[in-house]
């Protein structure tokens, strides 16, 4: 851990604590060792430094749109934080391999299956990229969701802090059960992952995954604990 890295982490942790009242007690449930795929919802930019800094001191990385490296400032910051560039709209084999490498090293890899920020906080239909990473790596998945940050810009303009709530679910593995992983199977798998996330959120935030009666667990294998 370099001095620059420690300074960046401390700065982001201090800034986000100033902007928000962060309810992060449930992060104590995150396993303290071993490879882990943390699947999250993606509301806005605020959750990235909050979750990243509060998963420390565990080594953490995540996927970020490759176009962010076009900015010199962001390129420096993302490289310091060890982010993985992801080319959206295509099968980015290099990003998948890098994610596999990080998991093999025992890191946490954070991924937002929605792929893009919602802004309003309601879940959007997810992309199945995390399915391939989970199946190829064999790493467990842990749903970590948050709510309350969708109005942080309005709060900031009024010099008010934002209540930021973090909820942690149960860890599980994706298991194809010997069937061929077709596009349809991948779609069902990612929907099952998203319903696990949806169940952790207040009803107003469930969006495309509001109907919990439609949730299945055909390809999920739950573990009592990973700690």
Protein backbone atom coordinates (compact mmCIF):
# COMPACT_ATOMS: atom_id res chain seq x y z
CA UNK A 1 0.00 0.00 0.00
CA UNK A 2 1.70 3.19 -1.18
CA UNK A 3 1.69 6.54 0.60
CA UNK A 4 -0.27 8.06 -2.32
CA UNK A 5 -2.90 5.33 -2.04
CA UNK A 6 -3.30 5.92 1.71
CA UNK A 7 -3.72 9.64 1.13
CA UNK A 8 -6.39 9.07 -1.55
CA UNK A 9 -8.32 6.65 0.69
CA UNK A 10 -8.17 9.02 3.67
CA UNK A 11 -9.27 11.99 1.54
CA UNK A 12 -12.26 10.19 0.05
CA UNK A 13 -13.30 8.73 3.38
CA UNK A 14 -13.14 12.14 5.02
CA UNK A 15 -14.99 13.90 2.20
CA UNK A 16 -17.80 11.35 2.00
CA UNK A 17 -18.21 11.43 5.79
CA UNK A 18 -18.58 15.19 5.54
CA UNK A 19 -21.22 14.94 2.80
CA UNK A 20 -23.17 12.00 4.22
CA UNK A 21 -24.38 10.28 7.36
CA UNK A 22 -23.27 6.80 6.39
CA UNK A 23 -25.03 3.78 7.86
CA UNK A 24 -22.35 1.15 7.14
CA UNK A 25 -22.65 -1.20 10.13
CA UNK A 26 -23.67 -4.14 7.93
CA UNK A 27 -20.34 -4.06 6.11
CA UNK A 28 -19.02 -5.96 9.12
CA UNK A 29 -20.68 -8.99 7.48
CA UNK A 30 -18.28 -8.85 4.51
CA UNK A 31 -15.82 -11.77 4.71
CA UNK A 32 -12.39 -10.65 5.87
CA UNK A 33 -10.49 -12.90 3.47
CA UNK A 34 -10.80 -14.84 0.22
CA UNK A 35 -12.00 -13.93 -3.28
CA UNK A 36 -15.35 -12.16 -3.42
CA UNK A 37 -17.58 -10.67 -6.08
CA UNK A 38 -19.53 -7.81 -4.55
CA UNK A 39 -22.58 -7.02 -6.69
CA UNK A 40 -24.10 -3.59 -6.18
CA UNK A 41 -26.72 -1.23 -7.50
CA UNK A 42 -25.47 1.89 -9.27
CA UNK A 43 -27.28 5.11 -8.41
CA UNK A 44 -24.66 7.84 -8.91
CA UNK A 45 -20.99 8.64 -8.43
CA UNK A 46 -21.32 9.00 -4.65
CA UNK A 47 -21.48 5.31 -3.79
CA UNK A 48 -18.16 4.48 -5.46
CA UNK A 49 -15.82 6.22 -2.98
CA UNK A 50 -18.08 5.37 -0.04
CA UNK A 51 -18.13 1.62 -0.62
CA UNK A 52 -14.55 1.45 -1.88
CA UNK A 53 -13.06 3.17 1.16
CA UNK A 54 -15.21 1.33 3.69
CA UNK A 55 -14.27 -2.09 2.39
CA UNK A 56 -10.68 -1.28 3.35
CA UNK A 57 -8.26 -2.63 4.49
CA UNK A 58 -9.19 -5.52 2.23
CA UNK A 59 -7.74 -5.16 -1.29
CA UNK A 60 -10.59 -3.93 -3.51
CA UNK A 61 -10.94 -3.31 -7.21
CA UNK A 62 -13.83 -2.79 -9.61
CA UNK A 63 -14.77 -2.26 -13.23
CA UNK A 64 -14.91 1.28 -14.61
CA UNK A 65 -15.79 2.40 -18.14
CA UNK A 66 -12.57 2.52 -20.19
CA UNK A 67 -13.45 5.99 -21.50
CA UNK A 68 -12.79 7.40 -18.01
CA UNK A 69 -9.08 6.92 -18.73
CA UNK A 70 -9.34 9.63 -21.41
CA UNK A 71 -9.10 12.20 -18.61
CA UNK A 72 -5.55 12.66 -17.31
CA UNK A 73 -6.78 13.36 -13.78
CA UNK A 74 -9.15 10.36 -13.71
CA UNK A 75 -6.53 8.12 -15.29
CA UNK A 76 -4.13 8.91 -12.43
CA UNK A 77 -6.81 8.38 -9.78
CA UNK A 78 -8.14 5.13 -11.25
CA UNK A 79 -4.64 3.73 -11.65
CA UNK A 80 -3.80 4.59 -8.03
CA UNK A 81 -6.97 2.78 -6.91
CA UNK A 82 -6.31 -0.23 -9.15
CA UNK A 83 -9.54 0.03 -11.14
CA UNK A 84 -10.11 -2.29 -14.13
CA UNK A 85 -10.98 -0.56 -17.43
CA UNK A 86 -14.03 -2.08 -19.11
CA UNK A 87 -15.00 -1.49 -22.74
CA UNK A 88 -18.77 -1.37 -22.67
CA UNK A 89 -20.90 -2.75 -25.47
CA UNK A 90 -18.52 -5.61 -26.29
CA UNK A 91 -17.13 -8.81 -24.82
CA UNK A 92 -14.10 -7.36 -23.08
CA UNK A 93 -11.92 -10.44 -22.61
CA UNK A 94 -9.01 -8.41 -21.20
CA UNK A 95 -11.22 -6.99 -18.42
CA UNK A 96 -12.59 -10.46 -17.64
CA UNK A 97 -9.08 -11.86 -17.37
CA UNK A 98 -7.99 -9.01 -15.10
CA UNK A 99 -11.01 -9.60 -12.88
CA UNK A 100 -10.16 -13.30 -12.72
CA UNK A 101 -6.57 -12.43 -11.80
CA UNK A 102 -7.71 -10.20 -8.95
CA UNK A 103 -10.09 -12.83 -7.61
CA UNK A 104 -7.39 -15.48 -7.78
CA UNK A 105 -5.22 -13.18 -5.65
CA UNK A 106 -7.98 -13.08 -3.02
CA UNK A 107 -9.23 -9.57 -3.76
CA UNK A 108 -12.74 -8.16 -3.64
CA UNK A 109 -14.03 -7.26 -7.11
CA UNK A 110 -16.97 -4.86 -7.13
CA UNK A 111 -19.32 -4.91 -10.11
CA UNK A 112 -22.62 -3.14 -10.82
CA UNK A 113 -24.66 -5.40 -13.14
CA UNK A 114 -26.88 -2.50 -14.22
CA UNK A 115 -23.85 -1.13 -16.07
CA UNK A 116 -24.78 2.52 -15.77
CA UNK A 117 -26.02 4.95 -13.14
CA UNK A 118 -29.78 5.15 -12.66
CA UNK A 119 -29.81 8.57 -10.99
CA UNK A 120 -33.20 7.85 -9.42
CA UNK A 121 -32.13 4.83 -7.36
CA UNK A 122 -34.57 2.31 -8.84
CA UNK A 123 -33.06 -0.92 -10.14
CA UNK A 124 -32.63 -1.16 -13.89
CA UNK A 125 -32.49 -4.29 -16.02
CA UNK A 126 -29.06 -5.85 -15.57
CA UNK A 127 -26.39 -7.06 -17.99
CA UNK A 128 -25.10 -10.63 -17.50
CA UNK A 129 -21.34 -9.91 -17.52
CA UNK A 130 -20.91 -10.83 -13.85
CA UNK A 131 -22.31 -14.29 -14.62
CA UNK A 132 -19.29 -15.22 -16.74
CA UNK A 133 -16.89 -13.91 -14.11
CA UNK A 134 -18.63 -15.84 -11.35
CA UNK A 135 -18.82 -19.09 -13.29
CA UNK A 136 -15.23 -18.98 -14.55
CA UNK A 137 -13.73 -17.94 -11.21
CA UNK A 138 -15.92 -19.97 -8.87
CA UNK A 139 -15.90 -16.98 -6.52
CA UNK A 140 -18.86 -16.32 -4.21
CA UNK A 141 -21.13 -13.35 -4.79
CA UNK A 142 -22.28 -10.97 -2.07
CA UNK A 143 -25.08 -8.47 -2.72
CA UNK A 144 -24.38 -5.04 -1.23
CA UNK A 145 -27.00 -2.37 -1.94
CA UNK A 146 -27.53 1.22 -0.89
CA UNK A 147 -30.29 3.78 -0.91
CA UNK A 148 -30.82 7.38 0.05
CA UNK A 149 -28.16 9.00 -2.14
CA UNK A 150 -30.37 9.86 -5.11
CA UNK A 151 -30.90 13.42 -3.89
CA UNK A 152 -27.41 14.16 -2.64
CA UNK A 153 -26.90 17.01 -5.14
CA UNK A 154 -30.05 18.79 -3.93
CA UNK A 155 -28.92 18.26 -0.34
CA UNK A 156 -25.47 19.61 -1.15
CA UNK A 157 -26.91 22.78 -2.65
CA UNK A 158 -28.88 23.28 0.56
CA UNK A 159 -25.82 22.46 2.70
CA UNK A 160 -27.51 19.35 4.10
CA UNK A 161 -25.91 15.98 4.65
CA UNK A 162 -27.33 12.94 2.87
CA UNK A 163 -28.44 9.79 4.67
CA UNK A 164 -26.66 6.90 2.95
CA UNK A 165 -27.81 3.40 3.92
CA UNK A 166 -25.82 0.25 3.10
CA UNK A 167 -27.48 -3.19 3.27
CA UNK A 168 -25.57 -6.47 2.93
CA UNK A 169 -27.22 -9.71 1.85
CA UNK A 170 -26.32 -13.39 2.04
CA UNK A 171 -23.36 -14.81 0.08
CA UNK A 172 -24.04 -17.36 -2.64
CA UNK A 173 -22.46 -19.09 -5.62
CA UNK A 174 -23.74 -19.36 -9.17
CA UNK A 175 -24.06 -22.99 -10.24
CA UNK A 176 -25.19 -24.01 -13.72
CA UNK A 177 -25.93 -27.51 -12.47
CA UNK A 178 -24.41 -29.11 -15.55
CA UNK A 179 -26.69 -27.42 -18.07
CA UNK A 180 -25.34 -25.52 -21.08
CA UNK A 181 -25.01 -21.84 -20.21
CA UNK A 182 -27.00 -20.32 -23.05
CA UNK A 183 -28.00 -16.69 -23.38
CA UNK A 184 -31.34 -17.57 -21.82
CA UNK A 185 -29.64 -19.27 -18.86
CA UNK A 186 -27.33 -16.29 -18.37
CA UNK A 187 -30.37 -14.01 -18.35
CA UNK A 188 -32.09 -16.11 -15.70
CA UNK A 189 -28.90 -16.19 -13.63
CA UNK A 190 -28.43 -12.43 -13.64
CA UNK A 191 -32.10 -11.89 -12.85
CA UNK A 192 -31.78 -14.24 -9.87
CA UNK A 193 -28.78 -12.19 -8.69
CA UNK A 194 -30.72 -8.96 -9.10
CA UNK A 195 -33.72 -10.26 -7.17
CA UNK A 196 -31.37 -11.01 -4.27
CA UNK A 197 -30.37 -7.35 -4.38
CA UNK A 198 -33.94 -6.16 -4.81
CA UNK A 199 -35.11 -7.99 -1.69
CA UNK A 200 -32.66 -5.91 0.37
CA UNK A 201 -34.05 -2.58 -0.83
CA UNK A 202 -37.17 -0.71 0.26
CA UNK A 203 -39.99 -1.35 -2.26
CA UNK A 204 -39.70 2.11 -3.86
CA UNK A 205 -36.17 1.27 -5.07
CA UNK A 206 -36.80 -2.16 -6.60
CA UNK A 207 -37.61 -0.87 -10.09
CA UNK A 208 -37.37 -3.56 -12.80
CA UNK A 209 -37.18 -6.22 -10.07
CA UNK A 210 -40.18 -5.08 -8.01
CA UNK A 211 -42.14 -8.33 -8.26
CA UNK A 212 -40.36 -10.50 -5.73
CA UNK A 213 -42.91 -13.26 -6.41
CA UNK A 214 -41.20 -13.68 -9.80
CA UNK A 215 -37.82 -14.38 -8.17
CA UNK A 216 -36.24 -17.81 -8.61
CA UNK A 217 -33.13 -19.41 -7.09
CA UNK A 218 -32.56 -22.24 -9.56
CA UNK A 219 -28.89 -21.38 -10.14
CA UNK A 220 -28.02 -20.04 -6.69
CA UNK A 221 -26.24 -22.05 -4.00
CA UNK A 222 -26.22 -20.37 -0.59
CA UNK A 223 -23.54 -20.81 2.07
CA UNK A 224 -24.17 -20.35 5.82
CA UNK A 225 -21.15 -18.07 6.20
CA UNK A 226 -17.96 -17.10 4.38
CA UNK A 227 -16.25 -15.48 7.36
